[in-house]
Structure formats: structure tokens, C-alpha cells
Amino acid sequence: MTFPIEASCQCGQVSYVLKSAPLKVFACHCSECQKLSTSPFSVTAMVDANDIEFSGELGEWRRKADSGNINGAKFCTGCGNRIYHFSPSDMSIIKLKLKPIAADTAYLFEPQVHVWVSEKQSWYEIRKGSRRLINNRKVLFKSLSRQGGENSHLFRFALPYL
């Protein structure tokens, strides 16, 4: 894969240039993400904020997550496409919602883990062998702390948003 890659919203008003691959990609099955995506889950690519540049007019709204943390969202003011989410307390990671649609970049946005599967739609089947995490925060954090690894901090960062 050659970087940078580019993508835009439906109307083309907002675009971005991604300079490197996402750090981690989640498929979230929580009820909030089902509302957001109007589908059984939402795909979120965790991207280092230094590796992406946005252009175009972005609107913003915020909500309080179940954890009590604030979750911010940026969207296109023209077509309404959700572009990314962010944590106002830590802008170092962008939670990218808008993905490129080119066939040669699709693999970059394949979910590496499914989260909040206890809220998943009963009719949706997660592919056998896919990594799954439940929505019990204590169990989840204990599991993540045992895993370690260079990207385990990304799971901890993503959870308040989820």
C-alpha cells in the first residue's frame, strides 16, 4: 500500500489525506453505534492525529458517554456524513468514521476486533475466529492489561468512547 490515500464525504465538501495505516480498527456493536451507523455496527479506525489532514467545513456535536467522558463528533455540514470522533481531553487519536471506498484500500479498514458484542443484533453473525470483546468494563480492562502489546493502550483509549 502506498500512502498517502485520500477520501471524501458523499457530497465531496469534506476530504482527508491519510498518511499511514490506522493503528487499530474496531467494529462496535453498542446501541449508540447502531444509531450512528443505522446498521448493526459501526466501524472505527483509530488514527494518530499527526497522520491525517482534513479539509472542508466540519460541524460538531458532543455527547456524554456512559463512562461520563465526553465524546465529540465532526460531520460534513453539507451531506451530514460522520467524519470522525474525538475525545476533547486527548486529541492525539482520531476515531475515523469515513473510510475510503477504493478496493485497494478496503483491507486497511477491516475490523481487527468486535466490541460490545453483548449488544449486537441477534441476526448478525460475526465471522468465526474474529476477536470479540464483551461490554463489561472490569472484565475488558483486566483482559487488556494481560494482553499488553504495543497497541493495548488504544483499546483503553477507545473504551470511553464506546
Protein backbone atom coordinates (compact mmCIF):
# COMPACT_ATOMS: atom_id res chain seq x y z
CA MET A 1 0.00 0.00 0.00
CA THR A 2 1.27 3.42 -0.92
CA PHE A 3 0.46 6.40 1.26
CA PRO A 4 -0.99 8.95 1.36
CA ILE A 5 -4.53 7.89 0.50
CA GLU A 6 -7.49 10.23 0.13
CA ALA A 7 -11.22 10.01 0.82
CA SER A 8 -14.20 12.34 0.89
CA CYS A 9 -17.77 12.51 2.12
CA GLN A 10 -20.79 11.89 -0.13
CA CYS A 11 -21.04 15.49 -1.36
CA GLY A 12 -17.26 15.98 -1.60
CA GLN A 13 -17.17 19.05 0.64
CA VAL A 14 -15.04 17.32 3.31
CA SER A 15 -12.00 15.28 2.44
CA TYR A 16 -8.93 13.90 4.14
CA VAL A 17 -5.44 12.71 3.39
CA LEU A 18 -4.29 9.72 5.45
CA LYS A 19 -0.51 9.41 5.66
CA SER A 20 -0.26 5.96 7.27
CA ALA A 21 -2.35 2.93 8.15
CA PRO A 22 -4.80 3.06 11.08
CA LEU A 23 -3.39 1.96 14.43
CA LYS A 24 -6.38 -0.30 15.17
CA VAL A 25 -9.82 -0.87 13.67
CA PHE A 26 -12.91 -1.75 15.74
CA ALA A 27 -16.42 -2.88 14.87
CA CYS A 28 -18.60 -1.62 17.70
CA HIS A 29 -21.99 -3.24 18.29
CA CYS A 30 -23.18 -0.91 21.10
CA SER A 31 -26.60 0.67 20.74
CA GLU A 32 -25.11 4.18 20.24
CA CYS A 33 -23.00 2.97 17.31
CA GLN A 34 -26.02 1.20 15.84
CA LYS A 35 -27.88 4.52 15.91
CA LEU A 36 -24.89 6.35 14.42
CA SER A 37 -24.38 3.94 11.56
CA THR A 38 -28.04 2.98 11.02
CA SER A 39 -26.70 -0.56 10.75
CA PRO A 40 -25.85 -3.44 13.11
CA PHE A 41 -22.44 -1.94 13.99
CA SER A 42 -20.10 0.96 13.30
CA VAL A 43 -16.50 0.65 12.10
CA THR A 44 -13.97 2.96 13.73
CA ALA A 45 -10.36 3.33 12.64
CA MET A 46 -8.03 4.68 15.32
CA VAL A 47 -5.61 7.09 13.63
CA ASP A 48 -2.74 9.12 15.05
CA ALA A 49 -3.85 12.76 14.69
CA ASN A 50 -0.47 13.63 13.13
CA ASP A 51 -1.14 11.13 10.31
CA ILE A 52 -4.31 12.71 8.92
CA GLU A 53 -5.27 16.08 7.43
CA PHE A 54 -8.86 17.23 6.91
CA SER A 55 -10.21 19.92 4.62
CA GLY A 56 -13.70 21.33 4.23
CA GLU A 57 -16.37 22.68 6.55
CA LEU A 58 -16.98 20.47 9.58
CA GLY A 59 -19.85 20.74 12.04
CA GLU A 60 -19.52 19.40 15.58
CA TRP A 61 -21.64 17.94 18.34
CA ARG A 62 -20.79 16.29 21.66
CA ARG A 63 -22.41 13.81 23.99
CA LYS A 64 -21.61 12.31 27.34
CA ALA A 65 -20.72 8.61 27.09
CA ASP A 66 -21.94 6.06 29.63
CA SER A 67 -18.47 6.28 31.18
CA GLY A 68 -19.02 10.00 31.86
CA ASN A 69 -16.39 11.01 29.31
CA ILE A 70 -17.25 13.48 26.57
CA ASN A 71 -17.34 12.15 23.02
CA GLY A 72 -17.03 14.73 20.25
CA ALA A 73 -18.05 14.17 16.65
CA LYS A 74 -17.23 16.03 13.44
CA PHE A 75 -19.51 15.80 10.41
CA CYS A 76 -19.93 17.34 6.96
CA THR A 77 -22.30 20.31 7.12
CA GLY A 78 -23.35 19.62 3.53
CA CYS A 79 -24.32 15.94 3.41
CA GLY A 80 -24.19 15.09 7.11
CA ASN A 81 -21.67 12.23 6.78
CA ARG A 82 -19.94 11.49 10.07
CA ILE A 83 -16.22 12.10 9.53
CA TYR A 84 -14.58 11.35 12.88
CA HIS A 85 -14.99 11.22 16.65
CA PHE A 86 -12.58 12.56 19.23
CA SER A 87 -12.02 12.88 22.93
CA PRO A 88 -11.71 16.58 23.86
CA SER A 89 -9.33 15.59 26.67
CA ASP A 90 -6.92 13.81 24.29
CA MET A 91 -6.77 14.94 20.68
CA SER A 92 -3.77 12.71 19.86
CA ILE A 93 -6.03 9.98 18.42
CA ILE A 94 -8.74 10.50 15.80
CA LYS A 95 -11.54 7.91 15.65
CA LEU A 96 -12.12 7.95 11.91
CA LYS A 97 -15.60 7.03 10.69
CA LEU A 98 -15.34 7.95 6.99
CA LYS A 99 -13.43 5.30 5.05
CA PRO A 100 -12.04 5.30 1.52
CA ILE A 101 -14.12 3.15 -0.82
CA ALA A 102 -11.38 2.12 -3.23
CA ALA A 103 -10.91 -1.65 -3.45
CA ASP A 104 -7.15 -1.39 -2.97
CA THR A 105 -7.53 0.31 0.46
CA ALA A 106 -10.52 -1.60 1.85
CA TYR A 107 -8.34 -4.12 3.72
CA LEU A 108 -6.92 -1.29 5.87
CA PHE A 109 -10.35 -0.79 7.45
CA GLU A 110 -11.25 -4.41 8.16
CA PRO A 111 -12.12 -4.65 11.87
CA GLN A 112 -9.47 -6.35 13.98
CA VAL A 113 -11.83 -6.75 16.91
CA HIS A 114 -15.58 -6.61 17.56
CA VAL A 115 -16.57 -4.82 20.78
CA TRP A 116 -19.78 -4.60 22.80
CA VAL A 117 -20.95 -7.86 21.24
CA SER A 118 -23.46 -8.32 24.04
CA GLU A 119 -25.50 -5.57 22.34
CA LYS A 120 -25.13 -6.95 18.82
CA GLN A 121 -28.20 -7.63 16.72
CA SER A 122 -29.20 -11.27 17.15
CA TRP A 123 -29.49 -11.83 13.41
CA TYR A 124 -25.94 -10.62 12.67
CA GLU A 125 -23.23 -13.30 12.73
CA ILE A 126 -19.64 -12.31 13.44
CA ARG A 127 -17.23 -14.28 11.31
CA LYS A 128 -15.84 -17.34 13.09
CA GLY A 129 -12.39 -16.70 14.52
CA SER A 130 -12.89 -12.93 14.81
CA ARG A 131 -11.73 -11.38 18.06
CA ARG A 132 -14.62 -10.34 20.32
CA LEU A 133 -14.83 -8.29 23.49
CA ILE A 134 -17.79 -8.05 25.83
CA ASN A 135 -19.14 -4.85 27.33
CA ASN A 136 -18.24 -5.47 30.96
CA ARG A 137 -15.59 -2.80 31.62
CA LYS A 138 -13.94 -4.65 34.53
CA VAL A 139 -13.54 -7.84 32.56
CA LEU A 140 -12.46 -5.94 29.48
CA PHE A 141 -9.77 -3.88 31.20
CA LYS A 142 -8.47 -6.96 33.05
CA SER A 143 -8.25 -8.81 29.75
CA LEU A 144 -6.48 -5.92 28.02
CA SER A 145 -3.94 -5.47 30.80
CA ARG A 146 -2.98 -9.14 30.45
CA GLN A 147 -2.56 -8.81 26.68
CA GLY A 148 -0.08 -5.96 26.78
CA GLY A 149 1.49 -5.27 23.44
CA GLU A 150 2.18 -2.02 21.67
CA ASN A 151 -1.47 -1.27 20.81
CA SER A 152 -3.16 -2.24 24.09
CA HIS A 153 -3.34 1.46 25.06
CA LEU A 154 -5.59 2.03 22.04
CA PHE A 155 -8.23 -0.30 23.45
CA ARG A 156 -8.17 1.60 26.73
CA PHE A 157 -8.44 4.90 24.84
CA ALA A 158 -11.36 3.67 22.72
CA LEU A 159 -13.49 2.31 25.55
CA PRO A 160 -14.83 5.58 27.00
CA TYR A 161 -15.97 6.50 23.50
CA LEU A 162 -17.73 3.18 23.10
